[in-house]
Amino acid sequence: MQKSKTAKESLAVMTNLVLPNEINTLNNMFGGELLARMDRISSISAKTHSQSYQVVTASVNHVSFDKPIPLGSTVRLESKVTRAFSTSMEVYVDVFIYDYNNGCYNKTNSGIYTFVAVDEQNKPIKVPELIPETELEIERYEAALRRKQLSLVLAGRMKPEEAEELKALFFNS
């Protein structure tokens, strides 16, 4: 049996600049460029949590492009596993840009990815349980099950009446 892990054990951080070949005609980072960076950083968190060299992106569950990221910006991406299921992991990515005037990072975007750990034959393998510690980690951990159930219902792989966590949002017990 694999040892449980905390979210902070899967923390990955990437910092780099927005260069001219990464921008659109409005002089902001292409959304696709940001998505690629988010996929890379979240895969590192998934690999770290699962202790598996091989993980595959199963889905991009949500991405918010809340603020544009201008040319020349210093961009920091932070990712952590928010919940581990049997063979899959949900990874949350927060994106920040550095404000040189105020000397701090400001959040601009976020995304939620799902990865599956696989073996050499691309067969899913078990991943360690995740133990959330902080208030934010607990909030994201609990919401991950609702997101998973919604995804399964929408894909026709779960009946709506079986989605207990989702039902609890809408109906009193």
C-alpha atoms as a PDB file:
ATOM      1  CA  MET A   1       0.000   0.000   0.000  1.00  0.00           C
ATOM      2  CA  GLN A   2       1.322   3.447  -0.906  1.00  0.00           C
ATOM      3  CA  LYS A   3       1.846   6.021   1.827  1.00  0.00           C
ATOM      4  CA  SER A   4      -0.605   8.930   1.839  1.00  0.00           C
ATOM      5  CA  LYS A   5       0.783  12.310   0.836  1.00  0.00           C
ATOM      6  CA  THR A   6      -0.018  15.934   1.506  1.00  0.00           C
ATOM      7  CA  ALA A   7      -0.787  18.490  -1.190  1.00  0.00           C
ATOM      8  CA  LYS A   8       2.343  20.492  -0.405  1.00  0.00           C
ATOM      9  CA  GLU A   9       4.462  17.469  -1.337  1.00  0.00           C
ATOM     10  CA  SER A  10       3.254  17.865  -4.930  1.00  0.00           C
ATOM     11  CA  LEU A  11       3.849  21.630  -5.140  1.00  0.00           C
ATOM     12  CA  ALA A  12       5.540  22.645  -8.387  1.00  0.00           C
ATOM     13  CA  VAL A  13       6.512  26.214  -9.264  1.00  0.00           C
ATOM     14  CA  MET A  14       7.577  27.576 -12.657  1.00  0.00           C
ATOM     15  CA  THR A  15       8.600  31.180 -13.297  1.00  0.00           C
ATOM     16  CA  ASN A  16       9.474  32.713 -16.665  1.00  0.00           C
ATOM     17  CA  LEU A  17       8.959  35.706 -18.949  1.00  0.00           C
ATOM     18  CA  VAL A  18       6.409  36.348 -21.670  1.00  0.00           C
ATOM     19  CA  LEU A  19       8.433  36.695 -24.869  1.00  0.00           C
ATOM     20  CA  PRO A  20       7.489  38.278 -28.231  1.00  0.00           C
ATOM     21  CA  ASN A  21       6.834  34.915 -29.955  1.00  0.00           C
ATOM     22  CA  GLU A  22       4.262  34.037 -27.237  1.00  0.00           C
ATOM     23  CA  ILE A  23       1.886  36.978 -27.687  1.00  0.00           C
ATOM     24  CA  ASN A  24      -1.175  37.807 -29.761  1.00  0.00           C
ATOM     25  CA  THR A  25      -1.927  41.022 -31.671  1.00  0.00           C
ATOM     26  CA  LEU A  26      -3.014  42.687 -28.409  1.00  0.00           C
ATOM     27  CA  ASN A  27       0.505  42.130 -26.969  1.00  0.00           C
ATOM     28  CA  ASN A  28      -0.791  39.605 -24.426  1.00  0.00           C
ATOM     29  CA  MET A  29       0.214  35.973 -23.961  1.00  0.00           C
ATOM     30  CA  PHE A  30      -1.638  33.554 -26.229  1.00  0.00           C
ATOM     31  CA  GLY A  31      -4.202  31.512 -24.301  1.00  0.00           C
ATOM     32  CA  GLY A  32      -2.765  28.353 -25.857  1.00  0.00           C
ATOM     33  CA  GLU A  33       0.709  29.237 -24.587  1.00  0.00           C
ATOM     34  CA  LEU A  34      -0.662  29.613 -21.077  1.00  0.00           C
ATOM     35  CA  LEU A  35      -2.554  26.311 -21.387  1.00  0.00           C
ATOM     36  CA  ALA A  36       0.647  24.527 -22.432  1.00  0.00           C
ATOM     37  CA  ARG A  37       2.539  25.942 -19.446  1.00  0.00           C
ATOM     38  CA  MET A  38      -0.313  24.960 -17.125  1.00  0.00           C
ATOM     39  CA  ASP A  39      -0.367  21.419 -18.534  1.00  0.00           C
ATOM     40  CA  ARG A  40       3.398  21.049 -18.060  1.00  0.00           C
ATOM     41  CA  ILE A  41       3.460  22.323 -14.482  1.00  0.00           C
ATOM     42  CA  SER A  42       0.414  20.294 -13.436  1.00  0.00           C
ATOM     43  CA  SER A  43       1.932  17.137 -14.936  1.00  0.00           C
ATOM     44  CA  ILE A  44       4.963  17.664 -12.690  1.00  0.00           C
ATOM     45  CA  SER A  45       2.688  17.801  -9.638  1.00  0.00           C
ATOM     46  CA  ALA A  46       0.874  14.650 -10.778  1.00  0.00           C
ATOM     47  CA  LYS A  47       4.163  12.812 -11.383  1.00  0.00           C
ATOM     48  CA  THR A  48       5.488  13.872  -7.991  1.00  0.00           C
ATOM     49  CA  HIS A  49       2.336  12.788  -6.161  1.00  0.00           C
ATOM     50  CA  SER A  50       2.000   9.459  -7.957  1.00  0.00           C
ATOM     51  CA  GLN A  51       5.747   8.760  -7.952  1.00  0.00           C
ATOM     52  CA  SER A  52       5.241   7.716 -11.554  1.00  0.00           C
ATOM     53  CA  TYR A  53       7.322   8.943 -14.444  1.00  0.00           C
ATOM     54  CA  GLN A  54       4.306   8.492 -16.688  1.00  0.00           C
ATOM     55  CA  VAL A  55       1.099  10.457 -16.278  1.00  0.00           C
ATOM     56  CA  VAL A  56      -1.356  11.434 -18.978  1.00  0.00           C
ATOM     57  CA  THR A  57      -3.680  14.412 -19.136  1.00  0.00           C
ATOM     58  CA  ALA A  58      -7.195  12.983 -18.900  1.00  0.00           C
ATOM     59  CA  SER A  59      -9.046  16.295 -19.023  1.00  0.00           C
ATOM     60  CA  VAL A  60      -8.835  20.029 -18.625  1.00  0.00           C
ATOM     61  CA  ASN A  61     -11.770  20.569 -16.313  1.00  0.00           C
ATOM     62  CA  HIS A  62     -11.694  24.327 -16.048  1.00  0.00           C
ATOM     63  CA  VAL A  63      -9.562  27.262 -17.081  1.00  0.00           C
ATOM     64  CA  SER A  64     -10.271  30.884 -16.283  1.00  0.00           C
ATOM     65  CA  PHE A  65      -8.579  33.637 -18.257  1.00  0.00           C
ATOM     66  CA  ASP A  66      -9.412  36.363 -15.757  1.00  0.00           C
ATOM     67  CA  LYS A  67      -6.713  38.898 -16.638  1.00  0.00           C
ATOM     68  CA  PRO A  68      -4.462  39.310 -19.671  1.00  0.00           C
ATOM     69  CA  ILE A  69      -0.752  38.638 -19.282  1.00  0.00           C
ATOM     70  CA  PRO A  70       1.206  41.360 -21.146  1.00  0.00           C
ATOM     71  CA  LEU A  71       4.428  41.005 -23.102  1.00  0.00           C
ATOM     72  CA  GLY A  72       7.459  41.080 -20.809  1.00  0.00           C
ATOM     73  CA  SER A  73       5.538  39.951 -17.715  1.00  0.00           C
ATOM     74  CA  THR A  74       7.169  37.704 -15.175  1.00  0.00           C
ATOM     75  CA  VAL A  75       4.725  34.820 -14.830  1.00  0.00           C
ATOM     76  CA  ARG A  76       4.665  32.319 -11.972  1.00  0.00           C
ATOM     77  CA  LEU A  77       2.599  29.132 -12.094  1.00  0.00           C
ATOM     78  CA  GLU A  78       1.987  27.080  -8.949  1.00  0.00           C
ATOM     79  CA  SER A  79       0.345  23.662  -9.030  1.00  0.00           C
ATOM     80  CA  LYS A  80      -0.636  21.080  -6.431  1.00  0.00           C
ATOM     81  CA  VAL A  81      -2.627  17.884  -6.456  1.00  0.00           C
ATOM     82  CA  THR A  82      -5.981  18.719  -4.863  1.00  0.00           C
ATOM     83  CA  ARG A  83      -7.403  15.194  -4.687  1.00  0.00           C
ATOM     84  CA  ALA A  84      -6.314  11.693  -5.583  1.00  0.00           C
ATOM     85  CA  PHE A  85      -8.813   9.040  -6.560  1.00  0.00           C
ATOM     86  CA  SER A  86      -7.939   5.449  -7.407  1.00  0.00           C
ATOM     87  CA  THR A  87      -5.718   6.076 -10.443  1.00  0.00           C
ATOM     88  CA  SER A  88      -6.495   9.717 -11.232  1.00  0.00           C
ATOM     89  CA  MET A  89      -5.492  12.999  -9.657  1.00  0.00           C
ATOM     90  CA  GLU A  90      -7.004  16.447  -9.851  1.00  0.00           C
ATOM     91  CA  VAL A  91      -4.394  19.206 -10.074  1.00  0.00           C
ATOM     92  CA  TYR A  92      -5.113  22.894  -9.474  1.00  0.00           C
ATOM     93  CA  VAL A  93      -2.924  25.527 -11.140  1.00  0.00           C
ATOM     94  CA  ASP A  94      -2.757  29.155 -10.011  1.00  0.00           C
ATOM     95  CA  VAL A  95      -1.161  31.741 -12.322  1.00  0.00           C
ATOM     96  CA  PHE A  96       0.387  34.994 -11.085  1.00  0.00           C
ATOM     97  CA  ILE A  97       2.204  37.941 -12.650  1.00  0.00           C
ATOM     98  CA  TYR A  98       4.757  40.012 -10.816  1.00  0.00           C
ATOM     99  CA  ASP A  99       3.848  43.634 -10.123  1.00  0.00           C
ATOM    100  CA  TYR A 100       7.200  45.446 -10.140  1.00  0.00           C
ATOM    101  CA  ASN A 101       5.631  48.653  -8.820  1.00  0.00           C
ATOM    102  CA  ASN A 102       4.319  47.008  -5.660  1.00  0.00           C
ATOM    103  CA  GLY A 103       6.821  44.152  -5.339  1.00  0.00           C
ATOM    104  CA  CYS A 104       4.292  41.347  -5.226  1.00  0.00           C
ATOM    105  CA  TYR A 105       2.615  38.670  -7.332  1.00  0.00           C
ATOM    106  CA  ASN A 106      -1.053  39.079  -8.331  1.00  0.00           C
ATOM    107  CA  LYS A 107      -3.261  36.170  -9.361  1.00  0.00           C
ATOM    108  CA  THR A 108      -4.410  36.360 -12.972  1.00  0.00           C
ATOM    109  CA  ASN A 109      -5.724  32.931 -13.963  1.00  0.00           C
ATOM    110  CA  SER A 110      -6.356  29.394 -12.747  1.00  0.00           C
ATOM    111  CA  GLY A 111      -7.041  25.942 -14.100  1.00  0.00           C
ATOM    112  CA  ILE A 112      -8.011  22.462 -13.020  1.00  0.00           C
ATOM    113  CA  TYR A 113      -6.535  19.417 -14.743  1.00  0.00           C
ATOM    114  CA  THR A 114      -7.055  15.674 -14.296  1.00  0.00           C
ATOM    115  CA  PHE A 115      -4.196  13.228 -14.779  1.00  0.00           C
ATOM    116  CA  VAL A 116      -3.993   9.454 -14.702  1.00  0.00           C
ATOM    117  CA  ALA A 117      -0.825   7.638 -13.664  1.00  0.00           C
ATOM    118  CA  VAL A 118       0.040   4.810 -16.049  1.00  0.00           C
ATOM    119  CA  ASP A 119       2.578   1.991 -16.305  1.00  0.00           C
ATOM    120  CA  GLU A 120       4.836   1.113 -19.251  1.00  0.00           C
ATOM    121  CA  GLN A 121       1.857  -0.473 -21.077  1.00  0.00           C
ATOM    122  CA  ASN A 122      -0.272   2.677 -20.562  1.00  0.00           C
ATOM    123  CA  LYS A 123      -2.464   0.853 -18.015  1.00  0.00           C
ATOM    124  CA  PRO A 124      -3.688   2.977 -15.091  1.00  0.00           C
ATOM    125  CA  ILE A 125      -1.913   2.406 -11.777  1.00  0.00           C
ATOM    126  CA  LYS A 126      -2.960   3.209  -8.215  1.00  0.00           C
ATOM    127  CA  VAL A 127      -1.921   6.535  -6.732  1.00  0.00           C
ATOM    128  CA  PRO A 128      -1.433   7.507  -3.074  1.00  0.00           C
ATOM    129  CA  GLU A 129      -4.286   9.050  -1.129  1.00  0.00           C
ATOM    130  CA  LEU A 130      -4.071  12.821  -0.624  1.00  0.00           C
ATOM    131  CA  ILE A 131      -4.421  14.424   2.793  1.00  0.00           C
ATOM    132  CA  PRO A 132      -5.369  18.130   2.629  1.00  0.00           C
ATOM    133  CA  GLU A 133      -4.023  20.314   5.428  1.00  0.00           C
ATOM    134  CA  THR A 134      -4.860  23.991   4.905  1.00  0.00           C
ATOM    135  CA  GLU A 135      -8.311  25.535   4.664  1.00  0.00           C
ATOM    136  CA  LEU A 136      -7.866  26.132   0.921  1.00  0.00           C
ATOM    137  CA  GLU A 137      -6.607  22.570   0.364  1.00  0.00           C
ATOM    138  CA  ILE A 138      -9.631  21.159   2.228  1.00  0.00           C
ATOM    139  CA  GLU A 139     -12.004  23.361   0.201  1.00  0.00           C
ATOM    140  CA  ARG A 140     -10.437  22.244  -3.101  1.00  0.00           C
ATOM    141  CA  TYR A 141     -10.320  18.605  -1.933  1.00  0.00           C
ATOM    142  CA  GLU A 142     -14.048  18.553  -1.159  1.00  0.00           C
ATOM    143  CA  ALA A 143     -14.965  20.354  -4.392  1.00  0.00           C
ATOM    144  CA  ALA A 144     -12.909  17.862  -6.433  1.00  0.00           C
ATOM    145  CA  LEU A 145     -15.371  15.058  -5.712  1.00  0.00           C
ATOM    146  CA  ARG A 146     -18.294  17.210  -6.883  1.00  0.00           C
ATOM    147  CA  ARG A 147     -16.392  18.079 -10.070  1.00  0.00           C
ATOM    148  CA  LYS A 148     -15.610  14.416 -10.674  1.00  0.00           C
ATOM    149  CA  GLN A 149     -19.216  13.377 -10.163  1.00  0.00           C
ATOM    150  CA  LEU A 150     -20.448  16.125 -12.494  1.00  0.00           C
ATOM    151  CA  SER A 151     -17.969  15.033 -15.143  1.00  0.00           C
ATOM    152  CA  LEU A 152     -19.083  11.399 -14.828  1.00  0.00           C
ATOM    153  CA  VAL A 153     -22.777  12.363 -15.043  1.00  0.00           C
ATOM    154  CA  LEU A 154     -22.178  14.529 -18.126  1.00  0.00           C
ATOM    155  CA  ALA A 155     -20.183  11.711 -19.761  1.00  0.00           C
ATOM    156  CA  GLY A 156     -23.004   9.248 -19.067  1.00  0.00           C
ATOM    157  CA  ARG A 157     -20.761   7.138 -16.810  1.00  0.00           C
ATOM    158  CA  MET A 158     -22.779   7.873 -13.651  1.00  0.00           C
ATOM    159  CA  LYS A 159     -26.499   8.233 -13.137  1.00  0.00           C
ATOM    160  CA  PRO A 160     -27.491  11.635 -11.712  1.00  0.00           C
ATOM    161  CA  GLU A 161     -29.248   9.994  -8.769  1.00  0.00           C
ATOM    162  CA  GLU A 162     -25.953   8.294  -7.810  1.00  0.00           C
ATOM    163  CA  ALA A 163     -24.071  11.599  -7.558  1.00  0.00           C
ATOM    164  CA  GLU A 164     -24.498  12.025  -3.799  1.00  0.00           C
ATOM    165  CA  GLU A 165     -22.147  15.012  -3.461  1.00  0.00           C
ATOM    166  CA  LEU A 166     -23.933  16.893  -6.240  1.00  0.00           C
ATOM    167  CA  LYS A 167     -27.377  16.106  -4.836  1.00  0.00           C
ATOM    168  CA  ALA A 168     -26.274  17.501  -1.476  1.00  0.00           C
ATOM    169  CA  LEU A 169     -25.680  20.879  -3.124  1.00  0.00           C
ATOM    170  CA  PHE A 170     -29.243  21.133  -4.399  1.00  0.00           C
ATOM    171  CA  PHE A 171     -31.442  19.135  -2.032  1.00  0.00           C
ATOM    172  CA  ASN A 172     -31.846  19.173   1.736  1.00  0.00           C
ATOM    173  CA  SER A 173     -31.461  15.792   3.419  1.00  0.00           C
END
